[in-house]
Amino acid sequence: MNWAVWLVLGAAVAVLLGSAFVAGQSPRFWWGMGLLVWEQLKPGLLAALARDFTPEHAAKVAAATRRGEDFPGRVGHGHRGER
């Protein structure tokens, strides 16, 4: 390739890297990235929370609490050797 093509490509890469650096310094950029992540996580989180607050689940927890029993969680224990 011609040296002029390399010069143009190098200038384009420099502009892109400079733009990325400037964007990374901006609070608006990070706020926007946070909103994008939230939009991806929100449906799953809300569905998981909705399952825990159904009237049926609340009744099971209340009954176990009245009897003084531990109510088994939906996820379980994460440590080896427990229970």
PDB file of N, CA and C in Angstrom:
ATOM      1  N   MET A   1       0.835  -1.180   0.000  1.00  0.00           N
ATOM      2  CA  MET A   1       0.000   0.000   0.000  1.00  0.00           C
ATOM      3  C   MET A   1       0.878   1.241   0.000  1.00  0.00           C
ATOM      4  N   ASN A   2       0.272   2.275  -0.423  1.00  0.00           N
ATOM      5  CA  ASN A   2       0.939   3.555  -0.530  1.00  0.00           C
ATOM      6  C   ASN A   2       1.081   4.184   0.865  1.00  0.00           C
ATOM      7  N   TRP A   3       2.096   4.995   1.051  1.00  0.00           N
ATOM      8  CA  TRP A   3       2.312   5.641   2.337  1.00  0.00           C
ATOM      9  C   TRP A   3       1.161   6.580   2.686  1.00  0.00           C
ATOM     10  N   ALA A   4       0.491   7.141   1.698  1.00  0.00           N
ATOM     11  CA  ALA A   4      -0.647   8.042   1.953  1.00  0.00           C
ATOM     12  C   ALA A   4      -1.826   7.273   2.547  1.00  0.00           C
ATOM     13  N   VAL A   5      -2.013   6.033   2.094  1.00  0.00           N
ATOM     14  CA  VAL A   5      -3.093   5.215   2.632  1.00  0.00           C
ATOM     15  C   VAL A   5      -2.822   4.900   4.105  1.00  0.00           C
ATOM     16  N   TRP A   6      -1.565   4.564   4.408  1.00  0.00           N
ATOM     17  CA  TRP A   6      -1.198   4.300   5.795  1.00  0.00           C
ATOM     18  C   TRP A   6      -1.377   5.553   6.659  1.00  0.00           C
ATOM     19  N   LEU A   7      -1.073   6.705   6.104  1.00  0.00           N
ATOM     20  CA  LEU A   7      -1.234   7.959   6.830  1.00  0.00           C
ATOM     21  C   LEU A   7      -2.706   8.210   7.149  1.00  0.00           C
ATOM     22  N   VAL A   8      -3.570   7.989   6.164  1.00  0.00           N
ATOM     23  CA  VAL A   8      -5.012   8.192   6.375  1.00  0.00           C
ATOM     24  C   VAL A   8      -5.546   7.179   7.393  1.00  0.00           C
ATOM     25  N   LEU A   9      -5.134   5.922   7.272  1.00  0.00           N
ATOM     26  CA  LEU A   9      -5.566   4.908   8.225  1.00  0.00           C
ATOM     27  C   LEU A   9      -5.077   5.225   9.637  1.00  0.00           C
ATOM     28  N   GLY A  10      -3.835   5.656   9.752  1.00  0.00           N
ATOM     29  CA  GLY A  10      -3.293   6.021  11.061  1.00  0.00           C
ATOM     30  C   GLY A  10      -4.039   7.201  11.660  1.00  0.00           C
ATOM     31  N   ALA A  11      -4.382   8.176  10.838  1.00  0.00           N
ATOM     32  CA  ALA A  11      -5.138   9.331  11.333  1.00  0.00           C
ATOM     33  C   ALA A  11      -6.529   8.905  11.793  1.00  0.00           C
ATOM     34  N   ALA A  12      -7.163   8.000  11.050  1.00  0.00           N
ATOM     35  CA  ALA A  12      -8.499   7.522  11.427  1.00  0.00           C
ATOM     36  C   ALA A  12      -8.444   6.771  12.757  1.00  0.00           C
ATOM     37  N   VAL A  13      -7.425   5.932  12.931  1.00  0.00           N
ATOM     38  CA  VAL A  13      -7.276   5.201  14.192  1.00  0.00           C
ATOM     39  C   VAL A  13      -7.021   6.168  15.338  1.00  0.00           C
ATOM     40  N   ALA A  14      -6.204   7.179  15.111  1.00  0.00           N
ATOM     41  CA  ALA A  14      -5.919   8.160  16.155  1.00  0.00           C
ATOM     42  C   ALA A  14      -7.185   8.916  16.569  1.00  0.00           C
ATOM     43  N   VAL A  15      -8.003   9.272  15.592  1.00  0.00           N
ATOM     44  CA  VAL A  15      -9.249   9.986  15.894  1.00  0.00           C
ATOM     45  C   VAL A  15     -10.189   9.082  16.699  1.00  0.00           C
ATOM     46  N   LEU A  16     -10.297   7.807  16.288  1.00  0.00           N
ATOM     47  CA  LEU A  16     -11.173   6.877  17.006  1.00  0.00           C
ATOM     48  C   LEU A  16     -10.699   6.648  18.438  1.00  0.00           C
ATOM     49  N   LEU A  17      -9.396   6.455  18.621  1.00  0.00           N
ATOM     50  CA  LEU A  17      -8.858   6.259  19.961  1.00  0.00           C
ATOM     51  C   LEU A  17      -9.025   7.517  20.817  1.00  0.00           C
ATOM     52  N   GLY A  18      -8.802   8.658  20.221  1.00  0.00           N
ATOM     53  CA  GLY A  18      -8.991   9.919  20.943  1.00  0.00           C
ATOM     54  C   GLY A  18     -10.438  10.114  21.342  1.00  0.00           C
ATOM     55  N   SER A  19     -11.365   9.766  20.454  1.00  0.00           N
ATOM     56  CA  SER A  19     -12.787   9.882  20.768  1.00  0.00           C
ATOM     57  C   SER A  19     -13.165   8.928  21.892  1.00  0.00           C
ATOM     58  N   ALA A  20     -12.643   7.714  21.857  1.00  0.00           N
ATOM     59  CA  ALA A  20     -12.937   6.744  22.908  1.00  0.00           C
ATOM     60  C   ALA A  20     -12.374   7.224  24.245  1.00  0.00           C
ATOM     61  N   PHE A  21     -11.200   7.818  24.224  1.00  0.00           N
ATOM     62  CA  PHE A  21     -10.603   8.327  25.455  1.00  0.00           C
ATOM     63  C   PHE A  21     -11.439   9.463  26.031  1.00  0.00           C
ATOM     64  N   VAL A  22     -11.854  10.376  25.171  1.00  0.00           N
ATOM     65  CA  VAL A  22     -12.665  11.507  25.624  1.00  0.00           C
ATOM     66  C   VAL A  22     -14.011  11.013  26.135  1.00  0.00           C
ATOM     67  N   ALA A  23     -14.615  10.044  25.445  1.00  0.00           N
ATOM     68  CA  ALA A  23     -15.902   9.508  25.882  1.00  0.00           C
ATOM     69  C   ALA A  23     -15.762   8.829  27.239  1.00  0.00           C
ATOM     70  N   GLY A  24     -14.657   8.142  27.447  1.00  0.00           N
ATOM     71  CA  GLY A  24     -14.433   7.465  28.724  1.00  0.00           C
ATOM     72  C   GLY A  24     -14.272   8.421  29.889  1.00  0.00           C
ATOM     73  N   GLN A  25     -13.953   9.653  29.625  1.00  0.00           N
ATOM     74  CA  GLN A  25     -13.795  10.658  30.672  1.00  0.00           C
ATOM     75  C   GLN A  25     -15.114  11.348  31.010  1.00  0.00           C
ATOM     76  N   SER A  26     -16.132  11.119  30.204  1.00  0.00           N
ATOM     77  CA  SER A  26     -17.392  11.830  30.347  1.00  0.00           C
ATOM     78  C   SER A  26     -18.356  11.086  31.269  1.00  0.00           C
ATOM     79  N   PRO A  27     -18.924  11.761  32.262  1.00  0.00           N
ATOM     80  CA  PRO A  27     -19.946  11.120  33.102  1.00  0.00           C
ATOM     81  C   PRO A  27     -21.181  10.733  32.299  1.00  0.00           C
ATOM     82  N   ARG A  28     -21.516  11.479  31.270  1.00  0.00           N
ATOM     83  CA  ARG A  28     -22.673  11.142  30.436  1.00  0.00           C
ATOM     84  C   ARG A  28     -22.478   9.806  29.730  1.00  0.00           C
ATOM     85  N   PHE A  29     -21.260   9.531  29.297  1.00  0.00           N
ATOM     86  CA  PHE A  29     -20.961   8.255  28.640  1.00  0.00           C
ATOM     87  C   PHE A  29     -21.221   7.103  29.610  1.00  0.00           C
ATOM     88  N   TRP A  30     -20.705   7.217  30.839  1.00  0.00           N
ATOM     89  CA  TRP A  30     -20.877   6.141  31.818  1.00  0.00           C
ATOM     90  C   TRP A  30     -22.321   6.022  32.266  1.00  0.00           C
ATOM     91  N   TRP A  31     -23.039   7.138  32.363  1.00  0.00           N
ATOM     92  CA  TRP A  31     -24.455   7.093  32.688  1.00  0.00           C
ATOM     93  C   TRP A  31     -25.207   6.328  31.586  1.00  0.00           C
ATOM     94  N   GLY A  32     -24.879   6.621  30.336  1.00  0.00           N
ATOM     95  CA  GLY A  32     -25.511   5.914  29.223  1.00  0.00           C
ATOM     96  C   GLY A  32     -25.183   4.434  29.214  1.00  0.00           C
ATOM     97  N   MET A  33     -23.934   4.084  29.527  1.00  0.00           N
ATOM     98  CA  MET A  33     -23.566   2.672  29.585  1.00  0.00           C
ATOM     99  C   MET A  33     -24.321   1.972  30.719  1.00  0.00           C
ATOM    100  N   GLY A  34     -24.464   2.657  31.831  1.00  0.00           N
ATOM    101  CA  GLY A  34     -25.226   2.097  32.942  1.00  0.00           C
ATOM    102  C   GLY A  34     -26.684   1.871  32.574  1.00  0.00           C
ATOM    103  N   LEU A  35     -27.262   2.809  31.831  1.00  0.00           N
ATOM    104  CA  LEU A  35     -28.645   2.644  31.391  1.00  0.00           C
ATOM    105  C   LEU A  35     -28.788   1.465  30.433  1.00  0.00           C
ATOM    106  N   LEU A  36     -27.811   1.277  29.556  1.00  0.00           N
ATOM    107  CA  LEU A  36     -27.867   0.131  28.646  1.00  0.00           C
ATOM    108  C   LEU A  36     -27.812  -1.187  29.414  1.00  0.00           C
ATOM    109  N   VAL A  37     -26.947  -1.255  30.416  1.00  0.00           N
ATOM    110  CA  VAL A  37     -26.846  -2.477  31.221  1.00  0.00           C
ATOM    111  C   VAL A  37     -28.137  -2.686  32.002  1.00  0.00           C
ATOM    112  N   TRP A  38     -28.689  -1.611  32.588  1.00  0.00           N
ATOM    113  CA  TRP A  38     -29.925  -1.724  33.353  1.00  0.00           C
ATOM    114  C   TRP A  38     -31.069  -2.234  32.474  1.00  0.00           C
ATOM    115  N   GLU A  39     -31.152  -1.749  31.243  1.00  0.00           N
ATOM    116  CA  GLU A  39     -32.225  -2.190  30.343  1.00  0.00           C
ATOM    117  C   GLU A  39     -32.111  -3.674  30.039  1.00  0.00           C
ATOM    118  N   GLN A  40     -30.909  -4.220  30.059  1.00  0.00           N
ATOM    119  CA  GLN A  40     -30.734  -5.650  29.814  1.00  0.00           C
ATOM    120  C   GLN A  40     -31.044  -6.471  31.055  1.00  0.00           C
ATOM    121  N   LEU A  41     -30.733  -5.950  32.243  1.00  0.00           N
ATOM    122  CA  LEU A  41     -30.928  -6.696  33.483  1.00  0.00           C
ATOM    123  C   LEU A  41     -32.328  -6.561  34.066  1.00  0.00           C
ATOM    124  N   LYS A  42     -32.997  -5.454  33.781  1.00  0.00           N
ATOM    125  CA  LYS A  42     -34.275  -5.147  34.414  1.00  0.00           C
ATOM    126  C   LYS A  42     -35.332  -6.244  34.256  1.00  0.00           C
ATOM    127  N   PRO A  43     -35.584  -6.807  33.070  1.00  0.00           N
ATOM    128  CA  PRO A  43     -36.649  -7.815  32.966  1.00  0.00           C
ATOM    129  C   PRO A  43     -36.410  -9.042  33.850  1.00  0.00           C
ATOM    130  N   GLY A  44     -35.191  -9.542  33.874  1.00  0.00           N
ATOM    131  CA  GLY A  44     -34.886 -10.710  34.697  1.00  0.00           C
ATOM    132  C   GLY A  44     -34.984 -10.417  36.180  1.00  0.00           C
ATOM    133  N   LEU A  45     -34.500  -9.255  36.590  1.00  0.00           N
ATOM    134  CA  LEU A  45     -34.563  -8.896  38.002  1.00  0.00           C
ATOM    135  C   LEU A  45     -35.999  -8.711  38.471  1.00  0.00           C
ATOM    136  N   LEU A  46     -36.798  -8.029  37.664  1.00  0.00           N
ATOM    137  CA  LEU A  46     -38.188  -7.811  38.053  1.00  0.00           C
ATOM    138  C   LEU A  46     -38.965  -9.122  38.098  1.00  0.00           C
ATOM    139  N   ALA A  47     -38.672 -10.034  37.181  1.00  0.00           N
ATOM    140  CA  ALA A  47     -39.348 -11.335  37.199  1.00  0.00           C
ATOM    141  C   ALA A  47     -38.965 -12.124  38.451  1.00  0.00           C
ATOM    142  N   ALA A  48     -37.697 -12.092  38.833  1.00  0.00           N
ATOM    143  CA  ALA A  48     -37.254 -12.808  40.026  1.00  0.00           C
ATOM    144  C   ALA A  48     -37.887 -12.208  41.284  1.00  0.00           C
ATOM    145  N   LEU A  49     -37.957 -10.896  41.352  1.00  0.00           N
ATOM    146  CA  LEU A  49     -38.575 -10.251  42.506  1.00  0.00           C
ATOM    147  C   LEU A  49     -40.071 -10.520  42.558  1.00  0.00           C
ATOM    148  N   ALA A  50     -40.719 -10.549  41.401  1.00  0.00           N
ATOM    149  CA  ALA A  50     -42.162 -10.802  41.368  1.00  0.00           C
ATOM    150  C   ALA A  50     -42.480 -12.195  41.900  1.00  0.00           C
ATOM    151  N   ARG A  51     -41.625 -13.182  41.634  1.00  0.00           N
ATOM    152  CA  ARG A  51     -41.845 -14.534  42.149  1.00  0.00           C
ATOM    153  C   ARG A  51     -41.798 -14.559  43.669  1.00  0.00           C
ATOM    154  N   ASP A  52     -40.933 -13.760  44.269  1.00  0.00           N
ATOM    155  CA  ASP A  52     -40.787 -13.769  45.723  1.00  0.00           C
ATOM    156  C   ASP A  52     -41.919 -13.039  46.432  1.00  0.00           C
ATOM    157  N   PHE A  53     -42.660 -12.214  45.742  1.00  0.00           N
ATOM    158  CA  PHE A  53     -43.707 -11.426  46.378  1.00  0.00           C
ATOM    159  C   PHE A  53     -45.103 -11.845  45.951  1.00  0.00           C
ATOM    160  N   THR A  54     -45.254 -13.074  45.456  1.00  0.00           N
ATOM    161  CA  THR A  54     -46.587 -13.570  45.134  1.00  0.00           C
ATOM    162  C   THR A  54     -47.311 -13.891  46.444  1.00  0.00           C
ATOM    163  N   PRO A  55     -48.632 -13.815  46.446  1.00  0.00           N
ATOM    164  CA  PRO A  55     -49.379 -14.137  47.679  1.00  0.00           C
ATOM    165  C   PRO A  55     -49.139 -15.575  48.153  1.00  0.00           C
ATOM    166  N   GLU A  56     -48.975 -16.521  47.228  1.00  0.00           N
ATOM    167  CA  GLU A  56     -48.749 -17.917  47.612  1.00  0.00           C
ATOM    168  C   GLU A  56     -47.413 -18.068  48.348  1.00  0.00           C
ATOM    169  N   HIS A  57     -46.379 -17.460  47.806  1.00  0.00           N
ATOM    170  CA  HIS A  57     -45.059 -17.550  48.431  1.00  0.00           C
ATOM    171  C   HIS A  57     -45.062 -16.856  49.792  1.00  0.00           C
ATOM    172  N   ALA A  58     -45.730 -15.709  49.866  1.00  0.00           N
ATOM    173  CA  ALA A  58     -45.811 -14.988  51.142  1.00  0.00           C
ATOM    174  C   ALA A  58     -46.540 -15.828  52.186  1.00  0.00           C
ATOM    175  N   ALA A  59     -47.584 -16.545  51.781  1.00  0.00           N
ATOM    176  CA  ALA A  59     -48.317 -17.399  52.720  1.00  0.00           C
ATOM    177  C   ALA A  59     -47.428 -18.543  53.210  1.00  0.00           C
ATOM    178  N   LYS A  60     -46.629 -19.136  52.329  1.00  0.00           N
ATOM    179  CA  LYS A  60     -45.724 -20.222  52.737  1.00  0.00           C
ATOM    180  C   LYS A  60     -44.687 -19.719  53.741  1.00  0.00           C
ATOM    181  N   VAL A  61     -44.126 -18.565  53.475  1.00  0.00           N
ATOM    182  CA  VAL A  61     -43.114 -18.003  54.377  1.00  0.00           C
ATOM    183  C   VAL A  61     -43.748 -17.660  55.719  1.00  0.00           C
ATOM    184  N   ALA A  62     -44.950 -17.071  55.690  1.00  0.00           N
ATOM    185  CA  ALA A  62     -45.623 -16.705  56.936  1.00  0.00           C
ATOM    186  C   ALA A  62     -45.939 -17.949  57.768  1.00  0.00           C
ATOM    187  N   ALA A  63     -46.393 -19.017  57.116  1.00  0.00           N
ATOM    188  CA  ALA A  63     -46.709 -20.250  57.841  1.00  0.00           C
ATOM    189  C   ALA A  63     -45.451 -20.857  58.459  1.00  0.00           C
ATOM    190  N   ALA A  64     -44.369 -20.879  57.717  1.00  0.00           N
ATOM    191  CA  ALA A  64     -43.111 -21.423  58.241  1.00  0.00           C
ATOM    192  C   ALA A  64     -42.600 -20.567  59.394  1.00  0.00           C
ATOM    193  N   THR A  65     -42.786 -19.259  59.304  1.00  0.00           N
ATOM    194  CA  THR A  65     -42.342 -18.364  60.367  1.00  0.00           C
ATOM    195  C   THR A  65     -43.161 -18.582  61.637  1.00  0.00           C
ATOM    196  N   ARG A  66     -44.471 -18.764  61.483  1.00  0.00           N
ATOM    197  CA  ARG A  66     -45.321 -19.020  62.652  1.00  0.00           C
ATOM    198  C   ARG A  66     -44.931 -20.312  63.363  1.00  0.00           C
ATOM    199  N   ARG A  67     -44.537 -21.317  62.588  1.00  0.00           N
ATOM    200  CA  ARG A  67     -44.135 -22.597  63.178  1.00  0.00           C
ATOM    201  C   ARG A  67     -42.691 -22.570  63.694  1.00  0.00           C
ATOM    202  N   GLY A  68     -41.971 -21.496  63.406  1.00  0.00           N
ATOM    203  CA  GLY A  68     -40.588 -21.382  63.851  1.00  0.00           C
ATOM    204  C   GLY A  68     -39.622 -22.214  63.027  1.00  0.00           C
ATOM    205  N   GLU A  69     -39.980 -22.512  61.782  1.00  0.00           N
ATOM    206  CA  GLU A  69     -39.130 -23.313  60.894  1.00  0.00           C
ATOM    207  C   GLU A  69     -38.325 -22.403  59.974  1.00  0.00           C
ATOM    208  N   ASP A  70     -37.200 -22.915  59.549  1.00  0.00           N
ATOM    209  CA  ASP A  70     -36.443 -22.204  58.516  1.00  0.00           C
ATOM    210  C   ASP A  70     -37.113 -22.466  57.185  1.00  0.00           C
ATOM    211  N   PHE A  71     -37.317 -21.420  56.440  1.00  0.00           N
ATOM    212  CA  PHE A  71     -37.909 -21.594  55.112  1.00  0.00           C
ATOM    213  C   PHE A  71     -36.774 -21.750  54.122  1.00  0.00           C
ATOM    214  N   PRO A  72     -36.743 -22.843  53.369  1.00  0.00           N
ATOM    215  CA  PRO A  72     -35.639 -23.030  52.416  1.00  0.00           C
ATOM    216  C   PRO A  72     -35.693 -21.980  51.315  1.00  0.00           C
ATOM    217  N   GLY A  73     -34.565 -21.396  51.056  1.00  0.00           N
ATOM    218  CA  GLY A  73     -34.496 -20.393  50.009  1.00  0.00           C
ATOM    219  C   GLY A  73     -34.605 -21.005  48.628  1.00  0.00           C
ATOM    220  N   ARG A  74     -34.798 -20.167  47.654  1.00  0.00           N
ATOM    221  CA  ARG A  74     -34.922 -20.640  46.271  1.00  0.00           C
ATOM    222  C   ARG A  74     -33.568 -21.047  45.694  1.00  0.00           C
ATOM    223  N   VAL A  75     -32.500 -20.463  46.204  1.00  0.00           N
ATOM    224  CA  VAL A  75     -31.182 -20.709  45.626  1.00  0.00           C
ATOM    225  C   VAL A  75     -30.439 -21.792  46.394  1.00  0.00           C
ATOM    226  N   GLY A  76     -30.548 -21.803  47.690  1.00  0.00           N
ATOM    227  CA  GLY A  76     -29.820 -22.769  48.500  1.00  0.00           C
ATOM    228  C   GLY A  76     -28.522 -22.170  49.008  1.00  0.00           C
ATOM    229  N   HIS A  77     -27.797 -22.999  49.744  1.00  0.00           N
ATOM    230  CA  HIS A  77     -26.548 -22.537  50.336  1.00  0.00           C
ATOM    231  C   HIS A  77     -25.411 -22.640  49.312  1.00  0.00           C
ATOM    232  N   GLY A  78     -24.521 -21.688  49.356  1.00  0.00           N
ATOM    233  CA  GLY A  78     -23.412 -21.680  48.419  1.00  0.00           C
ATOM    234  C   GLY A  78     -22.135 -22.253  48.991  1.00  0.00           C
ATOM    235  N   HIS A  79     -22.153 -22.649  50.252  1.00  0.00           N
ATOM    236  CA  HIS A  79     -20.944 -23.150  50.888  1.00  0.00           C
ATOM    237  C   HIS A  79     -20.976 -24.667  50.958  1.00  0.00           C
ATOM    238  N   ARG A  80     -19.843 -25.280  50.710  1.00  0.00           N
ATOM    239  CA  ARG A  80     -19.740 -26.724  50.814  1.00  0.00           C
ATOM    240  C   ARG A  80     -19.906 -27.191  52.248  1.00  0.00           C
ATOM    241  N   GLY A  81     -20.622 -28.292  52.436  1.00  0.00           N
ATOM    242  CA  GLY A  81     -20.734 -28.888  53.758  1.00  0.00           C
ATOM    243  C   GLY A  81     -21.886 -28.366  54.590  1.00  0.00           C
ATOM    244  N   GLU A  82     -22.623 -27.380  54.117  1.00  0.00           N
ATOM    245  CA  GLU A  82     -23.755 -26.880  54.893  1.00  0.00           C
ATOM    246  C   GLU A  82     -24.971 -27.744  54.588  1.00  0.00           C
ATOM    247  N   ARG A  83     -25.669 -28.128  55.618  1.00  0.00           N
ATOM    248  CA  ARG A  83     -26.879 -28.955  55.538  1.00  0.00           C
ATOM    249  C   ARG A  83     -26.601 -30.218  54.849  1.00  0.00           C
TER     250      ARG A  83
END
